[in-house]
PDB file of all heavy atoms in Angstrom:
ATOM      1  N   ALA A   1       1.880 205.878 -25.718  1.00  0.00           N
ATOM      2  CA  ALA A   1       3.029 205.048 -25.307  1.00  0.00           C
ATOM      3  C   ALA A   1       2.578 203.760 -24.618  1.00  0.00           C
ATOM      4  O   ALA A   1       3.091 202.680 -24.927  1.00  0.00           O
ATOM      5  CB  ALA A   1       3.967 205.838 -24.398  1.00  0.00           C
ATOM      6  N   VAL A   2       1.629 203.868 -23.699  1.00  0.00           N
ATOM      7  CA  VAL A   2       1.163 202.679 -22.970  1.00  0.00           C
ATOM      8  C   VAL A   2       0.436 201.739 -23.922  1.00  0.00           C
ATOM      9  O   VAL A   2       0.705 200.535 -23.938  1.00  0.00           O
ATOM     10  CB  VAL A   2       0.271 203.060 -21.775  1.00  0.00           C
ATOM     11  CG1 VAL A   2      -0.327 201.815 -21.118  1.00  0.00           C
ATOM     12  CG2 VAL A   2       1.073 203.859 -20.750  1.00  0.00           C
ATOM     13  N   ASP A   3      -0.468 202.289 -24.722  1.00  0.00           N
ATOM     14  CA  ASP A   3      -1.199 201.453 -25.689  1.00  0.00           C
ATOM     15  C   ASP A   3      -0.243 200.734 -26.626  1.00  0.00           C
ATOM     16  O   ASP A   3      -0.449 199.565 -26.958  1.00  0.00           O
ATOM     17  CB  ASP A   3      -2.187 202.304 -26.493  1.00  0.00           C
ATOM     18  CG  ASP A   3      -3.347 202.795 -25.642  1.00  0.00           C
ATOM     19  OD1 ASP A   3      -3.659 202.144 -24.625  1.00  0.00           O
ATOM     20  OD2 ASP A   3      -3.929 203.835 -26.004  1.00  0.00           O
ATOM     21  N   ASN A   4       0.807 201.416 -27.037  1.00  0.00           N
ATOM     22  CA  ASN A   4       1.799 200.813 -27.927  1.00  0.00           C
ATOM     23  C   ASN A   4       2.526 199.661 -27.234  1.00  0.00           C
ATOM     24  O   ASN A   4       2.737 198.600 -27.829  1.00  0.00           O
ATOM     25  CB  ASN A   4       2.788 201.870 -28.421  1.00  0.00           C
ATOM     26  CG  ASN A   4       3.651 201.369 -29.541  1.00  0.00           C
ATOM     27  OD1 ASN A   4       3.180 200.705 -30.465  1.00  0.00           O
ATOM     28  ND2 ASN A   4       4.929 201.685 -29.477  1.00  0.00           N
ATOM     29  N   LEU A   5       2.898 199.854 -25.983  1.00  0.00           N
ATOM     30  CA  LEU A   5       3.587 198.794 -25.237  1.00  0.00           C
ATOM     31  C   LEU A   5       2.698 197.577 -25.008  1.00  0.00           C
ATOM     32  O   LEU A   5       3.190 196.454 -24.907  1.00  0.00           O
ATOM     33  CB  LEU A   5       4.080 199.312 -23.885  1.00  0.00           C
ATOM     34  CG  LEU A   5       5.367 200.111 -23.893  1.00  0.00           C
ATOM     35  CD1 LEU A   5       5.604 200.734 -22.521  1.00  0.00           C
ATOM     36  CD2 LEU A   5       6.549 199.251 -24.304  1.00  0.00           C
ATOM     37  N   LEU A   6       1.395 197.791 -24.930  1.00  0.00           N
ATOM     38  CA  LEU A   6       0.461 196.691 -24.659  1.00  0.00           C
ATOM     39  C   LEU A   6       0.144 195.855 -25.902  1.00  0.00           C
ATOM     40  O   LEU A   6      -0.496 194.811 -25.788  1.00  0.00           O
ATOM     41  CB  LEU A   6      -0.836 197.226 -24.049  1.00  0.00           C
ATOM     42  CG  LEU A   6      -0.699 197.832 -22.651  1.00  0.00           C
ATOM     43  CD1 LEU A   6      -2.013 198.447 -22.203  1.00  0.00           C
ATOM     44  CD2 LEU A   6      -0.208 196.809 -21.637  1.00  0.00           C
ATOM     45  N   LYS A   7       0.616 196.288 -27.066  1.00  0.00           N
ATOM     46  CA  LYS A   7       0.375 195.528 -28.299  1.00  0.00           C
ATOM     47  C   LYS A   7       1.172 194.221 -28.256  1.00  0.00           C
ATOM     48  O   LYS A   7       2.318 194.196 -27.784  1.00  0.00           O
ATOM     49  CB  LYS A   7       0.781 196.343 -29.519  1.00  0.00           C
ATOM     50  CG  LYS A   7      -0.117 197.526 -29.768  1.00  0.00           C
ATOM     51  CD  LYS A   7       0.351 198.310 -30.986  1.00  0.00           C
ATOM     52  CE  LYS A   7      -0.556 199.505 -31.232  1.00  0.00           C
ATOM     53  NZ  LYS A   7      -0.027 200.338 -32.335  1.00  0.00           N
ATOM     54  N   PRO A   8       0.587 193.130 -28.760  1.00  0.00           N
ATOM     55  CA  PRO A   8       1.272 191.823 -28.722  1.00  0.00           C
ATOM     56  C   PRO A   8       2.672 191.840 -29.349  1.00  0.00           C
ATOM     57  O   PRO A   8       3.575 191.178 -28.853  1.00  0.00           O
ATOM     58  CB  PRO A   8       0.338 190.901 -29.511  1.00  0.00           C
ATOM     59  CG  PRO A   8      -1.001 191.538 -29.383  1.00  0.00           C
ATOM     60  CD  PRO A   8      -0.759 193.021 -29.330  1.00  0.00           C
ATOM     61  N   GLU A   9       2.866 192.634 -30.385  1.00  0.00           N
ATOM     62  CA  GLU A   9       4.178 192.671 -31.036  1.00  0.00           C
ATOM     63  C   GLU A   9       5.245 193.378 -30.190  1.00  0.00           C
ATOM     64  O   GLU A   9       6.437 193.287 -30.482  1.00  0.00           O
ATOM     65  CB  GLU A   9       4.092 193.323 -32.425  1.00  0.00           C
ATOM     66  CG  GLU A   9       3.636 194.771 -32.425  1.00  0.00           C
ATOM     67  CD  GLU A   9       2.128 194.938 -32.591  1.00  0.00           C
ATOM     68  OE1 GLU A   9       1.364 194.005 -32.286  1.00  0.00           O
ATOM     69  OE2 GLU A   9       1.726 196.022 -33.037  1.00  0.00           O
ATOM     70  N   ASN A  10       4.820 194.043 -29.113  1.00  0.00           N
ATOM     71  CA  ASN A  10       5.773 194.733 -28.236  1.00  0.00           C
ATOM     72  C   ASN A  10       5.917 194.041 -26.881  1.00  0.00           C
ATOM     73  O   ASN A  10       6.415 194.636 -25.928  1.00  0.00           O
ATOM     74  CB  ASN A  10       5.347 196.195 -28.049  1.00  0.00           C
ATOM     75  CG  ASN A  10       5.418 196.954 -29.342  1.00  0.00           C
ATOM     76  OD1 ASN A  10       6.308 196.731 -30.155  1.00  0.00           O
ATOM     77  ND2 ASN A  10       4.477 197.847 -29.563  1.00  0.00           N
ATOM     78  N   LEU A  11       5.503 192.798 -26.817  1.00  0.00           N
ATOM     79  CA  LEU A  11       5.531 192.030 -25.569  1.00  0.00           C
ATOM     80  C   LEU A  11       6.923 191.983 -24.938  1.00  0.00           C
ATOM     81  O   LEU A  11       7.076 192.188 -23.735  1.00  0.00           O
ATOM     82  CB  LEU A  11       5.018 190.607 -25.808  1.00  0.00           C
ATOM     83  CG  LEU A  11       4.974 189.683 -24.603  1.00  0.00           C
ATOM     84  CD1 LEU A  11       4.017 190.216 -23.555  1.00  0.00           C
ATOM     85  CD2 LEU A  11       4.561 188.291 -25.035  1.00  0.00           C
ATOM     86  N   ALA A  12       7.954 191.756 -25.741  1.00  0.00           N
ATOM     87  CA  ALA A  12       9.324 191.664 -25.206  1.00  0.00           C
ATOM     88  C   ALA A  12       9.749 192.991 -24.574  1.00  0.00           C
ATOM     89  O   ALA A  12      10.353 193.015 -23.494  1.00  0.00           O
ATOM     90  CB  ALA A  12      10.299 191.254 -26.304  1.00  0.00           C
ATOM     91  N   THR A  13       9.417 194.085 -25.234  1.00  0.00           N
ATOM     92  CA  THR A  13       9.761 195.413 -24.693  1.00  0.00           C
ATOM     93  C   THR A  13       8.986 195.684 -23.420  1.00  0.00           C
ATOM     94  O   THR A  13       9.548 196.183 -22.439  1.00  0.00           O
ATOM     95  CB  THR A  13       9.473 196.509 -25.736  1.00  0.00           C
ATOM     96  OG1 THR A  13      10.236 196.228 -26.911  1.00  0.00           O
ATOM     97  CG2 THR A  13       9.839 197.888 -25.205  1.00  0.00           C
ATOM     98  N   LEU A  14       7.711 195.342 -23.400  1.00  0.00           N
ATOM     99  CA  LEU A  14       6.886 195.531 -22.214  1.00  0.00           C
ATOM    100  C   LEU A  14       7.457 194.755 -21.028  1.00  0.00           C
ATOM    101  O   LEU A  14       7.596 195.298 -19.923  1.00  0.00           O
ATOM    102  CB  LEU A  14       5.440 195.106 -22.479  1.00  0.00           C
ATOM    103  CG  LEU A  14       4.479 195.214 -21.301  1.00  0.00           C
ATOM    104  CD1 LEU A  14       4.373 196.655 -20.800  1.00  0.00           C
ATOM    105  CD2 LEU A  14       3.110 194.670 -21.690  1.00  0.00           C
ATOM    106  N   LYS A  15       7.820 193.499 -21.253  1.00  0.00           N
ATOM    107  CA  LYS A  15       8.407 192.692 -20.175  1.00  0.00           C
ATOM    108  C   LYS A  15       9.682 193.334 -19.650  1.00  0.00           C
ATOM    109  O   LYS A  15       9.913 193.389 -18.447  1.00  0.00           O
ATOM    110  CB  LYS A  15       8.714 191.275 -20.671  1.00  0.00           C
ATOM    111  CG  LYS A  15       7.530 190.382 -20.738  1.00  0.00           C
ATOM    112  CD  LYS A  15       7.933 188.977 -21.157  1.00  0.00           C
ATOM    113  CE  LYS A  15       6.728 188.065 -21.204  1.00  0.00           C
ATOM    114  NZ  LYS A  15       7.086 186.699 -21.583  1.00  0.00           N
ATOM    115  N   LYS A  16      10.506 193.820 -20.562  1.00  0.00           N
ATOM    116  CA  LYS A  16      11.772 194.429 -20.168  1.00  0.00           C
ATOM    117  C   LYS A  16      11.533 195.690 -19.335  1.00  0.00           C
ATOM    118  O   LYS A  16      12.180 195.898 -18.307  1.00  0.00           O
ATOM    119  CB  LYS A  16      12.596 194.757 -21.416  1.00  0.00           C
ATOM    120  CG  LYS A  16      14.013 195.093 -21.144  1.00  0.00           C
ATOM    121  CD  LYS A  16      14.795 195.172 -22.450  1.00  0.00           C
ATOM    122  CE  LYS A  16      16.264 195.334 -22.130  1.00  0.00           C
ATOM    123  NZ  LYS A  16      17.098 195.230 -23.292  1.00  0.00           N
ATOM    124  N   VAL A  17      10.600 196.529 -19.766  1.00  0.00           N
ATOM    125  CA  VAL A  17      10.284 197.757 -19.030  1.00  0.00           C
ATOM    126  C   VAL A  17       9.755 197.418 -17.636  1.00  0.00           C
ATOM    127  O   VAL A  17      10.171 198.007 -16.637  1.00  0.00           O
ATOM    128  CB  VAL A  17       9.268 198.626 -19.807  1.00  0.00           C
ATOM    129  CG1 VAL A  17       8.714 199.745 -18.938  1.00  0.00           C
ATOM    130  CG2 VAL A  17       9.903 199.197 -21.066  1.00  0.00           C
ATOM    131  N   LEU A  18       8.840 196.468 -17.553  1.00  0.00           N
ATOM    132  CA  LEU A  18       8.253 196.111 -16.254  1.00  0.00           C
ATOM    133  C   LEU A  18       9.277 195.475 -15.321  1.00  0.00           C
ATOM    134  O   LEU A  18       9.352 195.831 -14.133  1.00  0.00           O
ATOM    135  CB  LEU A  18       7.060 195.182 -16.451  1.00  0.00           C
ATOM    136  CG  LEU A  18       5.829 195.809 -17.094  1.00  0.00           C
ATOM    137  CD1 LEU A  18       4.790 194.742 -17.412  1.00  0.00           C
ATOM    138  CD2 LEU A  18       5.238 196.907 -16.214  1.00  0.00           C
ATOM    139  N   THR A  19      10.063 194.534 -15.810  1.00  0.00           N
ATOM    140  CA  THR A  19      11.029 193.865 -14.932  1.00  0.00           C
ATOM    141  C   THR A  19      12.189 194.778 -14.557  1.00  0.00           C
ATOM    142  O   THR A  19      12.897 194.508 -13.585  1.00  0.00           O
ATOM    143  CB  THR A  19      11.558 192.556 -15.558  1.00  0.00           C
ATOM    144  OG1 THR A  19      12.131 192.841 -16.835  1.00  0.00           O
ATOM    145  CG2 THR A  19      10.440 191.531 -15.694  1.00  0.00           C
ATOM    146  N   TYR A  20      12.350 195.873 -15.280  1.00  0.00           N
ATOM    147  CA  TYR A  20      13.358 196.870 -14.923  1.00  0.00           C
ATOM    148  C   TYR A  20      13.004 197.535 -13.597  1.00  0.00           C
ATOM    149  O   TYR A  20      13.847 198.113 -12.943  1.00  0.00           O
ATOM    150  CB  TYR A  20      13.452 197.928 -16.029  1.00  0.00           C
ATOM    151  CG  TYR A  20      14.626 198.864 -15.881  1.00  0.00           C
ATOM    152  CD1 TYR A  20      15.873 198.516 -16.388  1.00  0.00           C
ATOM    153  CD2 TYR A  20      14.491 200.083 -15.236  1.00  0.00           C
ATOM    154  CE1 TYR A  20      16.954 199.365 -16.256  1.00  0.00           C
ATOM    155  CE2 TYR A  20      15.566 200.939 -15.099  1.00  0.00           C
ATOM    156  CZ  TYR A  20      16.795 200.575 -15.609  1.00  0.00           C
ATOM    157  OH  TYR A  20      17.868 201.421 -15.469  1.00  0.00           O
ATOM    158  N   HIS A  21      11.749 197.420 -13.174  1.00  0.00           N
ATOM    159  CA  HIS A  21      11.287 198.057 -11.948  1.00  0.00           C
ATOM    160  C   HIS A  21      11.104 197.075 -10.796  1.00  0.00           C
ATOM    161  O   HIS A  21      10.454 197.389  -9.809  1.00  0.00           O
ATOM    162  CB  HIS A  21       9.975 198.799 -12.232  1.00  0.00           C
ATOM    163  CG  HIS A  21      10.174 199.885 -13.226  1.00  0.00           C
ATOM    164  ND1 HIS A  21      10.039 199.680 -14.570  1.00  0.00           N
ATOM    165  CD2 HIS A  21      10.569 201.155 -13.068  1.00  0.00           C
ATOM    166  CE1 HIS A  21      10.324 200.794 -15.206  1.00  0.00           C
ATOM    167  NE2 HIS A  21      10.647 201.703 -14.320  1.00  0.00           N
ATOM    168  N   VAL A  22      11.676 195.898 -10.940  1.00  0.00           N
ATOM    169  CA  VAL A  22      11.576 194.864  -9.913  1.00  0.00           C
ATOM    170  C   VAL A  22      12.977 194.516  -9.440  1.00  0.00           C
ATOM    171  O   VAL A  22      13.870 194.239 -10.244  1.00  0.00           O
ATOM    172  CB  VAL A  22      10.880 193.596 -10.462  1.00  0.00           C
ATOM    173  CG1 VAL A  22      10.783 192.523  -9.376  1.00  0.00           C
ATOM    174  CG2 VAL A  22       9.508 193.919 -11.028  1.00  0.00           C
ATOM    175  N   VAL A  23      13.179 194.545  -8.134  1.00  0.00           N
ATOM    176  CA  VAL A  23      14.452 194.132  -7.545  1.00  0.00           C
ATOM    177  C   VAL A  23      14.201 192.960  -6.605  1.00  0.00           C
ATOM    178  O   VAL A  23      13.122 192.832  -6.028  1.00  0.00           O
ATOM    179  CB  VAL A  23      15.159 195.292  -6.801  1.00  0.00           C
ATOM    180  CG1 VAL A  23      15.550 196.401  -7.765  1.00  0.00           C
ATOM    181  CG2 VAL A  23      14.333 195.838  -5.672  1.00  0.00           C
ATOM    182  N   ALA A  24      15.186 192.114  -6.496  1.00  0.00           N
ATOM    183  CA  ALA A  24      15.084 190.966  -5.595  1.00  0.00           C
ATOM    184  C   ALA A  24      15.155 191.449  -4.153  1.00  0.00           C
ATOM    185  O   ALA A  24      15.867 192.401  -3.833  1.00  0.00           O
ATOM    186  CB  ALA A  24      16.198 189.974  -5.886  1.00  0.00           C
ATOM    187  N   GLY A  25      14.405 190.801  -3.298  1.00  0.00           N
ATOM    188  CA  GLY A  25      14.433 191.116  -1.873  1.00  0.00           C
ATOM    189  C   GLY A  25      13.286 192.009  -1.462  1.00  0.00           C
ATOM    190  O   GLY A  25      12.544 192.525  -2.282  1.00  0.00           O
ATOM    191  N   ARG A  26      13.167 192.170  -0.173  1.00  0.00           N
ATOM    192  CA  ARG A  26      12.121 193.008   0.421  1.00  0.00           C
ATOM    193  C   ARG A  26      12.810 194.266   0.936  1.00  0.00           C
ATOM    194  O   ARG A  26      13.631 194.195   1.850  1.00  0.00           O
ATOM    195  CB  ARG A  26      11.458 192.260   1.570  1.00  0.00           C
ATOM    196  CG  ARG A  26      10.241 192.936   2.127  1.00  0.00           C
ATOM    197  CD  ARG A  26       9.595 192.066   3.179  1.00  0.00           C
ATOM    198  NE  ARG A  26       9.331 190.751   2.611  1.00  0.00           N
ATOM    199  CZ  ARG A  26       8.129 190.213   2.493  1.00  0.00           C
ATOM    200  NH1 ARG A  26       7.089 190.853   2.933  1.00  0.00           N
ATOM    201  NH2 ARG A  26       7.974 189.025   1.965  1.00  0.00           N
ATOM    202  N   TRP A  27      12.484 195.403   0.343  1.00  0.00           N
ATOM    203  CA  TRP A  27      13.128 196.671   0.682  1.00  0.00           C
ATOM    204  C   TRP A  27      12.114 197.638   1.277  1.00  0.00           C
ATOM    205  O   TRP A  27      11.171 198.031   0.618  1.00  0.00           O
ATOM    206  CB  TRP A  27      13.754 197.296  -0.568  1.00  0.00           C
ATOM    207  CG  TRP A  27      14.915 196.513  -1.062  1.00  0.00           C
ATOM    208  CD1 TRP A  27      14.898 195.471  -1.938  1.00  0.00           C
ATOM    209  CD2 TRP A  27      16.266 196.665  -0.656  1.00  0.00           C
ATOM    210  NE1 TRP A  27      16.170 194.979  -2.116  1.00  0.00           N
ATOM    211  CE2 TRP A  27      17.028 195.706  -1.336  1.00  0.00           C
ATOM    212  CE3 TRP A  27      16.909 197.534   0.223  1.00  0.00           C
ATOM    213  CZ2 TRP A  27      18.408 195.583  -1.177  1.00  0.00           C
ATOM    214  CZ3 TRP A  27      18.286 197.411   0.377  1.00  0.00           C
ATOM    215  CH2 TRP A  27      19.010 196.446  -0.313  1.00  0.00           C
ATOM    216  N   SER A  28      12.340 198.024   2.507  1.00  0.00           N
ATOM    217  CA  SER A  28      11.461 199.000   3.165  1.00  0.00           C
ATOM    218  C   SER A  28      12.071 200.396   3.001  1.00  0.00           C
ATOM    219  O   SER A  28      13.222 200.550   2.591  1.00  0.00           O
ATOM    220  CB  SER A  28      11.337 198.677   4.655  1.00  0.00           C
ATOM    221  OG  SER A  28      12.588 198.904   5.301  1.00  0.00           O
ATOM    222  N   ALA A  29      11.300 201.407   3.360  1.00  0.00           N
ATOM    223  CA  ALA A  29      11.810 202.779   3.331  1.00  0.00           C
ATOM    224  C   ALA A  29      13.019 202.909   4.249  1.00  0.00           C
ATOM    225  O   ALA A  29      14.007 203.563   3.907  1.00  0.00           O
ATOM    226  CB  ALA A  29      10.716 203.759   3.734  1.00  0.00           C
ATOM    227  N   ALA A  30      12.969 202.256   5.406  1.00  0.00           N
ATOM    228  CA  ALA A  30      14.093 202.311   6.345  1.00  0.00           C
ATOM    229  C   ALA A  30      15.337 201.667   5.740  1.00  0.00           C
ATOM    230  O   ALA A  30      16.452 202.173   5.899  1.00  0.00           O
ATOM    231  CB  ALA A  30      13.715 201.619   7.656  1.00  0.00           C
ATOM    232  N   ASP A  31      15.146 200.544   5.031  1.00  0.00           N
ATOM    233  CA  ASP A  31      16.278 199.892   4.358  1.00  0.00           C
ATOM    234  C   ASP A  31      16.913 200.825   3.338  1.00  0.00           C
ATOM    235  O   ASP A  31      18.136 200.951   3.263  1.00  0.00           O
ATOM    236  CB  ASP A  31      15.832 198.621   3.622  1.00  0.00           C
ATOM    237  CG  ASP A  31      15.323 197.523   4.536  1.00  0.00           C
ATOM    238  OD1 ASP A  31      15.751 197.464   5.707  1.00  0.00           O
ATOM    239  OD2 ASP A  31      14.484 196.723   4.063  1.00  0.00           O
ATOM    240  N   LEU A  32      16.060 201.467   2.540  1.00  0.00           N
ATOM    241  CA  LEU A  32      16.560 202.377   1.512  1.00  0.00           C
ATOM    242  C   LEU A  32      17.318 203.549   2.126  1.00  0.00           C
ATOM    243  O   LEU A  32      18.411 203.898   1.669  1.00  0.00           O
ATOM    244  CB  LEU A  32      15.418 202.901   0.648  1.00  0.00           C
ATOM    245  CG  LEU A  32      14.765 201.893  -0.276  1.00  0.00           C
ATOM    246  CD1 LEU A  32      13.537 202.504  -0.936  1.00  0.00           C
ATOM    247  CD2 LEU A  32      15.740 201.412  -1.321  1.00  0.00           C
ATOM    248  N   LYS A  33      16.757 204.137   3.163  1.00  0.00           N
ATOM    249  CA  LYS A  33      17.413 205.266   3.823  1.00  0.00           C
ATOM    250  C   LYS A  33      18.783 204.853   4.347  1.00  0.00           C
ATOM    251  O   LYS A  33      19.762 205.583   4.204  1.00  0.00           O
ATOM    252  CB  LYS A  33      16.552 205.792   4.976  1.00  0.00           C
ATOM    253  CG  LYS A  33      15.363 206.577   4.526  1.00  0.00           C
ATOM    254  CD  LYS A  33      14.561 207.038   5.737  1.00  0.00           C
ATOM    255  CE  LYS A  33      13.291 207.720   5.321  1.00  0.00           C
ATOM    256  NZ  LYS A  33      12.490 208.139   6.474  1.00  0.00           N
ATOM    257  N   ARG A  34      18.843 203.678   4.981  1.00  0.00           N
ATOM    258  CA  ARG A  34      20.105 203.193   5.539  1.00  0.00           C
ATOM    259  C   ARG A  34      21.136 202.987   4.437  1.00  0.00           C
ATOM    260  O   ARG A  34      22.288 203.413   4.551  1.00  0.00           O
ATOM    261  CB  ARG A  34      19.867 201.894   6.309  1.00  0.00           C
ATOM    262  CG  ARG A  34      21.120 201.322   6.961  1.00  0.00           C
ATOM    263  CD  ARG A  34      20.833 200.083   7.813  1.00  0.00           C
ATOM    264  NE  ARG A  34      19.836 199.165   7.304  1.00  0.00           N
ATOM    265  CZ  ARG A  34      20.060 198.266   6.329  1.00  0.00           C
ATOM    266  NH1 ARG A  34      21.222 198.175   5.763  1.00  0.00           N
ATOM    267  NH2 ARG A  34      19.085 197.454   5.934  1.00  0.00           N
ATOM    268  N   LYS A  35      20.735 202.338   3.345  1.00  0.00           N
ATOM    269  CA  LYS A  35      21.653 202.070   2.243  1.00  0.00           C
ATOM    270  C   LYS A  35      22.117 203.363   1.565  1.00  0.00           C
ATOM    271  O   LYS A  35      23.278 203.479   1.173  1.00  0.00           O
ATOM    272  CB  LYS A  35      21.017 201.137   1.212  1.00  0.00           C
ATOM    273  CG  LYS A  35      20.908 199.709   1.687  1.00  0.00           C
ATOM    274  CD  LYS A  35      22.297 199.123   1.866  1.00  0.00           C
ATOM    275  CE  LYS A  35      22.239 197.635   2.071  1.00  0.00           C
ATOM    276  NZ  LYS A  35      23.571 197.043   2.221  1.00  0.00           N
ATOM    277  N   ILE A  36      21.214 204.327   1.431  1.00  0.00           N
ATOM    278  CA  ILE A  36      21.584 205.614   0.839  1.00  0.00           C
ATOM    279  C   ILE A  36      22.593 206.315   1.733  1.00  0.00           C
ATOM    280  O   ILE A  36      23.590 206.872   1.252  1.00  0.00           O
ATOM    281  CB  ILE A  36      20.331 206.486   0.605  1.00  0.00           C
ATOM    282  CG1 ILE A  36      19.480 205.888  -0.510  1.00  0.00           C
ATOM    283  CG2 ILE A  36      20.715 207.927   0.282  1.00  0.00           C
ATOM    284  CD1 ILE A  36      18.100 206.502  -0.638  1.00  0.00           C
ATOM    285  N   LYS A  37      22.356 206.262   3.043  1.00  0.00           N
ATOM    286  CA  LYS A  37      23.285 206.884   3.986  1.00  0.00           C
ATOM    287  C   LYS A  37      24.651 206.192   3.929  1.00  0.00           C
ATOM    288  O   LYS A  37      25.688 206.851   3.871  1.00  0.00           O
ATOM    289  CB  LYS A  37      22.713 206.826   5.404  1.00  0.00           C
ATOM    290  CG  LYS A  37      23.539 207.564   6.424  1.00  0.00           C
ATOM    291  CD  LYS A  37      22.873 207.565   7.784  1.00  0.00           C
ATOM    292  CE  LYS A  37      23.718 208.322   8.785  1.00  0.00           C
ATOM    293  NZ  LYS A  37      23.108 208.329  10.115  1.00  0.00           N
ATOM    294  N   GLU A  38      24.649 204.860   3.920  1.00  0.00           N
ATOM    295  CA  GLU A  38      25.905 204.097   3.840  1.00  0.00           C
ATOM    296  C   GLU A  38      26.650 204.393   2.538  1.00  0.00           C
ATOM    297  O   GLU A  38      27.867 204.350   2.505  1.00  0.00           O
ATOM    298  CB  GLU A  38      25.626 202.593   3.929  1.00  0.00           C
ATOM    299  CG  GLU A  38      25.189 202.124   5.292  1.00  0.00           C
ATOM    300  CD  GLU A  38      24.720 200.665   5.286  1.00  0.00           C
ATOM    301  OE1 GLU A  38      24.803 199.983   4.243  1.00  0.00           O
ATOM    302  OE2 GLU A  38      24.248 200.212   6.353  1.00  0.00           O
ATOM    303  N   GLY A  39      25.904 204.679   1.485  1.00  0.00           N
ATOM    304  CA  GLY A  39      26.506 204.960   0.180  1.00  0.00           C
ATOM    305  C   GLY A  39      26.771 206.433  -0.055  1.00  0.00           C
ATOM    306  O   GLY A  39      26.911 206.859  -1.210  1.00  0.00           O
ATOM    307  N   ASN A  40      26.810 207.221   1.034  1.00  0.00           N
ATOM    308  CA  ASN A  40      27.071 208.660   0.932  1.00  0.00           C
ATOM    309  C   ASN A  40      26.109 209.366  -0.019  1.00  0.00           C
ATOM    310  O   ASN A  40      26.506 210.175  -0.843  1.00  0.00           O
ATOM    311  CB  ASN A  40      28.527 208.925   0.527  1.00  0.00           C
ATOM    312  CG  ASN A  40      29.499 208.473   1.587  1.00  0.00           C
ATOM    313  OD1 ASN A  40      29.263 208.676   2.777  1.00  0.00           O
ATOM    314  ND2 ASN A  40      30.573 207.827   1.171  1.00  0.00           N
ATOM    315  N   GLY A  41      24.826 208.999   0.067  1.00  0.00           N
ATOM    316  CA  GLY A  41      23.798 209.693  -0.693  1.00  0.00           C
ATOM    317  C   GLY A  41      23.265 208.950  -1.897  1.00  0.00           C
ATOM    318  O   GLY A  41      22.407 209.454  -2.610  1.00  0.00           O
TER     319      GLY A  41
END
């Protein structure tokens, strides 16, 4: 799977998969815990 994603013809898919794991802002564990609590879990 990884080797396939790294192929030049799969560049668009690779970018999409990687940027799917990036969020704007700086989020600490404390921030996440607070937001999860505020959102009822």
